[in-house]
Amino acid sequence: MVLFHGLGQDEAVKAMRAVKAALETGNGVAFAMTTETNLGWTVADLVEHVLEEHAQMTGGKPGADPL
């Protein structure tokens, strides 16, 4: 999981693409951005939520890439 803070939407997309390119595979990497709401969450709750959303976005398929 990669968490971004303080980036605009365009910057976040560029950063996600850069991370995927650097890893030579973006499959299985879940990305998230901080929000006013999730800044108050525990790290464990944030990770759980992001991984659940990632599974939903990718159809629960390991290695699927929604971006």
Protein backbone atom coordinates (compact mmCIF):
# COMPACT_ATOMS: atom_id res chain seq x y z
CA MET A 1 0.00 0.00 0.00
CA VAL A 2 1.22 3.48 -0.88
CA LEU A 3 -0.33 6.47 0.86
CA PHE A 4 -0.08 9.97 -0.62
CA HIS A 5 -0.57 13.17 1.34
CA GLY A 6 -0.87 16.69 0.00
CA LEU A 7 -1.01 15.82 -3.70
CA GLY A 8 -3.59 17.01 -6.19
CA GLN A 9 -5.40 14.48 -8.36
CA ASP A 10 -3.07 14.93 -11.36
CA GLU A 11 0.02 14.69 -9.15
CA ALA A 12 -1.30 11.54 -7.50
CA VAL A 13 -1.93 9.84 -10.84
CA LYS A 14 1.59 10.74 -12.02
CA ALA A 15 3.05 9.44 -8.75
CA MET A 16 1.10 6.17 -9.02
CA ARG A 17 2.36 5.64 -12.55
CA ALA A 18 5.92 6.42 -11.45
CA VAL A 19 5.72 3.92 -8.58
CA LYS A 20 4.37 1.23 -10.90
CA ALA A 21 7.11 1.92 -13.45
CA ALA A 22 9.81 1.85 -10.78
CA LEU A 23 8.56 -1.48 -9.47
CA GLU A 24 8.23 -2.82 -13.02
CA THR A 25 4.86 -4.13 -11.92
CA GLY A 26 2.07 -2.14 -10.38
CA ASN A 27 -0.07 -5.18 -9.94
CA GLY A 28 -1.15 -5.71 -6.40
CA VAL A 29 -0.13 -2.26 -5.20
CA ALA A 30 -2.96 -0.41 -3.47
CA PHE A 31 -2.83 3.38 -3.52
CA ALA A 32 -4.61 5.86 -1.28
CA MET A 33 -4.67 9.56 -0.54
CA THR A 34 -5.23 11.16 2.82
CA THR A 35 -8.56 12.86 3.42
CA GLU A 36 -9.95 14.93 6.25
CA THR A 37 -11.81 11.81 7.36
CA ASN A 38 -9.05 9.21 7.19
CA LEU A 39 -6.46 11.45 8.87
CA GLY A 40 -8.29 10.64 12.12
CA TRP A 41 -8.15 6.87 11.61
CA THR A 42 -5.62 4.48 13.05
CA VAL A 43 -3.08 3.12 10.59
CA ALA A 44 -4.59 -0.36 10.98
CA ASP A 45 -8.07 0.93 10.10
CA LEU A 46 -6.76 2.87 7.11
CA VAL A 47 -4.83 -0.11 5.74
CA GLU A 48 -7.83 -2.40 6.18
CA HIS A 49 -10.14 0.05 4.41
CA VAL A 50 -7.74 0.68 1.52
CA LEU A 51 -7.12 -3.03 0.96
CA GLU A 52 -10.87 -3.73 0.99
CA GLU A 53 -11.46 -0.98 -1.59
CA HIS A 54 -8.55 -2.26 -3.69
CA ALA A 55 -10.04 -5.76 -3.72
CA GLN A 56 -13.43 -4.35 -4.78
CA MET A 57 -11.88 -2.24 -7.54
CA THR A 58 -9.88 -5.14 -8.92
CA GLY A 59 -12.64 -7.70 -8.52
CA GLY A 60 -10.68 -9.34 -5.75
CA LYS A 61 -8.20 -10.58 -8.30
CA PRO A 62 -4.56 -10.46 -7.18
CA GLY A 63 -2.52 -8.59 -9.70
CA ALA A 64 -5.45 -6.76 -11.30
CA ASP A 65 -4.70 -3.15 -12.08
CA PRO A 66 -7.49 -0.52 -11.84
CA LEU A 67 -5.34 2.42 -13.03
